[in-house]
Protein backbone atom coordinates (compact mmCIF):
# COMPACT_ATOMS: atom_id res chain seq x y z
CA MET A 1 59.66 44.99 -18.21
CA PRO A 2 58.13 41.66 -19.33
CA LEU A 3 55.71 41.69 -22.22
CA PRO A 4 52.03 41.49 -21.29
CA HIS A 5 49.98 38.37 -21.96
CA TRP A 6 46.96 38.44 -24.24
CA GLU A 7 44.13 36.05 -25.00
CA ILE A 8 42.97 36.00 -28.62
CA ASP A 9 39.74 34.33 -29.77
CA LEU A 10 39.76 33.03 -33.34
CA ASN A 11 36.63 31.62 -34.99
CA ILE A 12 37.36 28.64 -37.22
CA TYR A 13 34.53 27.93 -39.67
CA GLY A 14 34.14 24.58 -41.37
CA PRO A 15 32.61 21.10 -41.03
CA ILE A 16 34.85 20.19 -38.08
CA THR A 17 34.28 19.87 -34.35
CA VAL A 18 35.82 18.58 -31.13
CA ARG A 19 34.52 16.42 -28.33
CA GLY A 20 34.19 18.60 -25.25
CA VAL A 21 36.94 21.18 -24.75
CA VAL A 22 40.52 20.53 -25.88
CA HIS A 23 43.40 22.04 -23.88
CA LEU A 24 46.89 22.20 -25.39
CA ARG A 25 50.19 23.85 -24.61
CA GLU A 26 52.14 24.51 -27.79
CA PRO A 27 55.50 26.25 -28.31
CA LYS A 28 55.80 29.22 -30.63
CA GLY A 29 58.95 29.58 -32.69
CA PHE A 30 62.45 28.37 -31.81
CA ARG A 31 63.59 30.90 -29.27
CA LEU A 32 66.13 29.23 -27.00
CA PRO A 33 66.52 28.02 -24.36
CA GLU A 34 62.73 28.07 -23.84
CA PRO A 35 60.26 29.09 -26.56
CA PHE A 36 57.09 30.84 -25.45
CA GLN A 37 54.41 28.28 -24.67
CA SER A 38 50.96 29.27 -25.91
CA GLU A 39 47.96 27.99 -23.99
CA ILE A 40 45.39 26.74 -26.50
CA VAL A 41 41.73 26.09 -25.76
CA ILE A 42 39.50 24.66 -28.53
CA ARG A 43 35.72 24.65 -28.14
CA PRO A 44 32.98 23.46 -30.50
CA PHE A 45 30.14 25.50 -31.98
CA ASN A 46 27.75 24.83 -34.84
CA SER A 47 29.86 26.60 -37.45
CA GLY A 48 33.15 24.93 -36.50
CA VAL A 49 35.38 25.56 -33.50
CA GLN A 50 36.63 28.54 -31.55
CA ILE A 51 40.30 28.67 -30.61
CA THR A 52 41.56 30.80 -27.75
CA ALA A 53 45.33 31.28 -27.79
CA THR A 54 47.62 33.19 -25.43
CA ALA A 55 50.29 35.47 -26.81
CA HIS A 56 53.17 37.60 -25.53
CA ALA A 57 53.25 40.97 -27.28
CA SER A 58 53.70 44.65 -26.56
CA THR A 59 50.32 45.60 -28.09
CA LEU A 60 46.99 43.99 -28.86
CA GLN A 61 47.61 44.48 -32.57
CA ASN A 62 50.90 42.55 -32.40
CA ALA A 63 49.31 39.80 -30.31
CA ARG A 64 46.55 39.45 -32.90
CA LYS A 65 49.00 39.28 -35.82
CA VAL A 66 51.19 36.68 -34.10
CA SER A 67 48.18 34.54 -33.26
CA LEU A 68 46.76 34.73 -36.77
CA VAL A 69 50.05 33.48 -38.23
CA PHE A 70 50.51 30.82 -35.52
CA ILE A 71 46.99 29.39 -35.87
CA GLY A 72 46.91 29.90 -39.64
CA TYR A 73 49.99 27.74 -40.18
CA MET A 74 48.47 25.04 -37.99
CA LEU A 75 45.25 25.11 -40.04
CA ASP A 76 47.25 24.80 -43.26
CA THR A 77 48.77 21.52 -42.10
CA LEU A 78 45.51 20.29 -40.57
CA THR A 79 43.67 20.92 -43.84
CA LEU A 80 45.88 18.47 -45.72
CA GLN A 81 44.96 15.87 -43.12
CA VAL A 82 41.18 16.36 -43.01
CA ASN A 83 40.80 17.71 -46.60
CA LEU A 84 37.88 19.96 -45.72
CA PRO A 85 37.34 23.72 -46.16
CA ILE A 86 38.48 25.54 -43.01
CA PHE A 87 38.24 29.32 -42.78
CA MET A 88 39.63 31.47 -39.97
CA ASN A 89 38.20 34.79 -38.85
CA TYR A 90 39.14 37.24 -36.11
CA THR A 91 36.64 39.54 -34.44
CA SER A 92 36.87 41.36 -31.15
CA VAL A 93 33.38 40.04 -30.37
CA TYR A 94 32.21 36.54 -31.26
CA GLN A 95 30.22 36.44 -34.49
CA GLY A 96 28.99 33.41 -36.40
CA ARG A 97 28.51 33.34 -40.15
CA GLY A 98 25.23 31.44 -39.94
CA GLU A 99 26.36 28.00 -41.15
CA ASN A 100 25.04 25.11 -39.13
CA TYR A 101 26.85 22.02 -40.34
CA THR A 102 24.87 18.83 -39.80
CA GLU A 103 27.89 16.65 -40.61
CA ARG A 104 31.20 17.44 -38.93
CA ARG A 105 34.62 15.80 -38.83
CA ILE A 106 35.71 15.19 -35.22
CA VAL A 107 39.32 16.38 -34.88
CA THR A 108 41.01 14.67 -31.94
CA GLU A 109 43.37 16.25 -29.45
CA ALA A 110 46.25 14.26 -30.96
CA GLU A 111 45.43 15.58 -34.44
CA TRP A 112 45.41 19.19 -33.21
CA HIS A 113 48.76 18.65 -31.47
CA ASP A 114 50.28 17.00 -34.55
CA ALA A 115 49.10 19.90 -36.74
CA PHE A 116 50.77 22.44 -34.43
CA SER A 117 54.00 20.42 -34.30
CA GLU A 118 54.12 19.84 -38.04
CA SER A 119 53.42 23.48 -38.90
CA ARG A 120 56.23 24.58 -36.62
CA LEU A 121 58.61 22.10 -38.24
CA LEU A 122 57.59 23.14 -41.77
CA ALA A 123 57.92 26.84 -40.93
CA GLN A 124 61.46 26.17 -39.77
CA SER A 125 62.70 23.74 -42.43
CA LYS A 126 60.28 23.70 -45.41
CA PRO A 127 58.55 27.09 -45.59
CA THR A 128 57.87 26.76 -49.33
CA PHE A 129 55.85 23.60 -48.81
CA LEU A 130 53.97 25.25 -45.94
CA ARG A 131 53.10 28.15 -48.24
CA ALA A 132 51.77 25.65 -50.79
CA LEU A 133 49.53 24.16 -48.09
CA GLY A 134 48.20 27.64 -47.42
CA TRP A 135 47.23 28.01 -51.08
CA TYR A 136 45.53 24.61 -51.02
CA ARG A 137 43.50 25.61 -47.96
CA LYS A 138 42.46 28.83 -49.70
CA GLY A 139 41.37 26.84 -52.73
CA LEU A 140 39.02 24.83 -50.53
CA TYR A 141 37.34 27.69 -48.68
CA THR A 142 37.17 30.58 -51.13
CA GLU A 143 33.76 31.12 -52.73
CA ASP A 144 35.25 32.64 -55.90
CA SER A 145 35.69 29.89 -58.50
CA LEU A 146 38.49 31.69 -60.32
CA ASP A 147 40.40 32.30 -57.09
CA SER A 148 39.87 28.67 -56.14
CA PHE A 149 41.35 27.45 -59.41
CA LEU A 150 44.37 29.74 -59.09
CA ALA A 151 44.92 28.66 -55.48
CA PHE A 152 44.92 24.96 -56.34
CA TRP A 153 47.27 25.52 -59.27
CA ASN A 154 49.58 27.67 -57.13
CA SER A 155 49.78 24.91 -54.52
CA ILE A 156 51.16 22.59 -57.20
CA GLU A 157 53.37 25.10 -59.01
CA ILE A 158 55.03 26.44 -55.84
CA VAL A 159 56.20 22.96 -54.84
CA ALA A 160 57.33 22.13 -58.37
CA GLY A 161 59.20 25.42 -58.70
CA LYS A 162 61.14 24.83 -55.48
CA TYR A 163 61.71 21.09 -55.38
CA HIS A 164 61.70 19.94 -59.03
CA PRO A 165 64.37 17.47 -60.20
CA ASP A 166 67.48 19.18 -61.50
CA ASN A 167 67.48 17.97 -65.10
CA GLU A 168 67.35 19.39 -68.61
CA ALA A 169 63.58 19.00 -68.92
CA SER A 170 62.85 21.05 -65.80
CA LYS A 171 64.88 23.98 -67.20
CA LYS A 172 62.18 24.59 -69.83
CA GLY A 173 59.87 26.29 -67.36
CA SER A 174 57.14 25.78 -64.79
CA LYS A 175 55.02 23.40 -66.90
CA SER A 176 57.99 21.09 -67.34
CA GLN A 177 58.80 21.36 -63.63
CA VAL A 178 55.28 20.22 -62.74
CA TRP A 179 55.56 17.36 -65.23
CA GLU A 180 58.91 16.24 -63.82
CA CYS A 181 57.60 16.38 -60.24
CA PHE A 182 54.57 14.29 -61.18
CA LYS A 183 56.90 11.77 -62.83
CA LYS A 184 59.15 11.73 -59.79
CA ILE A 185 56.42 10.59 -57.40
CA TRP A 186 54.03 8.74 -59.75
CA GLY A 187 56.09 7.52 -62.68
CA GLU A 188 54.86 7.80 -66.26
CA CYS A 189 51.66 9.67 -67.10
CA GLU A 190 49.56 6.54 -67.54
CA ASN A 191 50.14 5.81 -63.84
CA TRP A 192 49.20 9.22 -62.47
CA PRO A 193 46.19 9.28 -60.10
CA VAL A 194 43.06 11.21 -61.16
CA ILE A 195 44.48 12.21 -64.59
CA ALA A 196 46.02 8.93 -65.78
CA GLY A 197 47.06 9.16 -69.44
CA GLN A 198 45.99 12.82 -69.79
CA THR A 199 49.22 14.10 -71.30
CA GLU A 200 47.71 17.52 -72.11
CA TRP A 201 46.31 18.17 -68.62
CA ILE A 202 49.24 20.27 -67.37
CA ASP A 203 49.38 22.39 -70.53
CA GLU A 204 45.63 22.98 -70.58
CA ASN A 205 45.38 23.98 -66.93
CA TYR A 206 48.50 26.14 -67.16
CA ASP A 207 46.88 28.03 -70.04
CA VAL A 208 43.74 28.55 -67.96
CA ARG A 209 45.88 29.79 -65.08
CA ILE A 210 47.62 32.33 -67.35
CA ALA A 211 44.32 33.54 -68.82
CA VAL A 212 42.71 33.99 -65.41
CA ALA A 213 45.71 35.48 -63.61
CA HIS A 214 46.68 37.91 -66.37
CA GLY A 215 43.19 38.84 -67.49
CA THR A 216 43.79 37.81 -71.10
CA GLN A 217 40.43 36.00 -71.20
CA LYS A 218 37.14 37.85 -70.91
CA ILE A 219 35.11 36.91 -67.84
CA THR A 220 32.02 35.47 -69.48
CA VAL A 221 29.50 32.95 -68.21
CA GLU A 222 31.03 30.34 -70.50
CA ALA A 223 34.56 31.08 -69.27
CA VAL A 224 33.55 30.84 -65.62
CA GLU A 225 31.61 27.62 -66.23
CA ASN A 226 34.68 26.18 -67.92
CA VAL A 227 36.80 26.93 -64.85
CA ILE A 228 34.12 25.55 -62.52
CA SER A 229 34.09 22.29 -64.48
CA LYS A 230 37.84 21.91 -63.88
CA LEU A 231 37.74 22.50 -60.12
CA PRO A 232 36.97 18.95 -58.89
CA ILE A 233 39.85 17.49 -60.91
CA ILE A 234 42.47 20.11 -60.06
CA ARG A 235 41.46 19.90 -56.41
CA ASP A 236 41.97 16.12 -56.39
CA VAL A 237 45.26 16.39 -58.27
CA ALA A 238 46.58 19.06 -55.88
CA TYR A 239 45.57 17.02 -52.83
CA SER A 240 47.12 13.82 -54.19
CA PHE A 241 50.29 15.64 -55.21
CA LEU A 242 50.83 17.47 -51.91
CA SER A 243 50.05 14.37 -49.86
CA LYS A 244 52.39 12.13 -51.86
CA TRP A 245 55.14 14.75 -51.96
CA LYS A 246 54.99 15.18 -48.21
CA GLU A 247 55.02 11.42 -47.69
CA THR A 248 57.89 10.57 -50.04
CA GLN A 249 59.99 13.67 -50.77
CA LEU A 250 60.12 16.15 -47.90
CA ASN A 251 62.39 14.09 -45.65
CA LEU A 252 61.56 16.24 -42.64
CA GLN A 253 64.28 16.29 -40.01
CA ILE A 254 63.33 17.32 -36.49
CA PRO A 255 65.82 19.93 -35.16
CA LEU A 256 67.36 19.16 -31.79
CA GLU A 257 65.57 22.10 -30.21
CA MET A 258 62.21 20.48 -31.04
CA HIS A 259 62.93 17.21 -29.26
């Protein structure tokens, strides 16, 4: 018996919109000879966009989970392109969060399609980098300053831990791996964007990450304000690093089944 079809509505909150209604047909996964094609409809509303996606699944719960992953990966790749906070929510009945953005980035049909295609390619060939994009997106949308800091740092550290140059320096640990990755794409520290010449930046932010993640630092007003003051810089560093790494180091190869 064939699996039933489901339609899942996902509310995407953020300062983005579309012109009119966008219709797409995007493959899910790499099942051969023909992957399941999901019908995608994207509509605007004041708080962002609403995405309706079709899914094949035995139960509603499975259809929801598949759609959340499918759309979530797409949003991770789209976020690196638009660099804006985008938050996804599922409800069985449409509910808005109350935001009414007066300035919105128009995301074109081509950009939506590219985000779906790229997320599928990353999920197949570079899942670690895709996971880093997910952390970066969380850093943008979470309202908790400590979580935001950790998310931005994780987006950097995950890439460095997986793809760092294989040399003696990188064997010293994660801080050295981040340093070596920065050097690989930007050269010496005085040439790094955002933090040019700041040779202590990695050590200082790593120490903050350890204190926050392991609870070794008391959560005081001063401690939180210190983390908040670091957010604009670590956000810009993470964005610059992920963008440059994707551009120069990933070397994405399109599998034959995606042509």
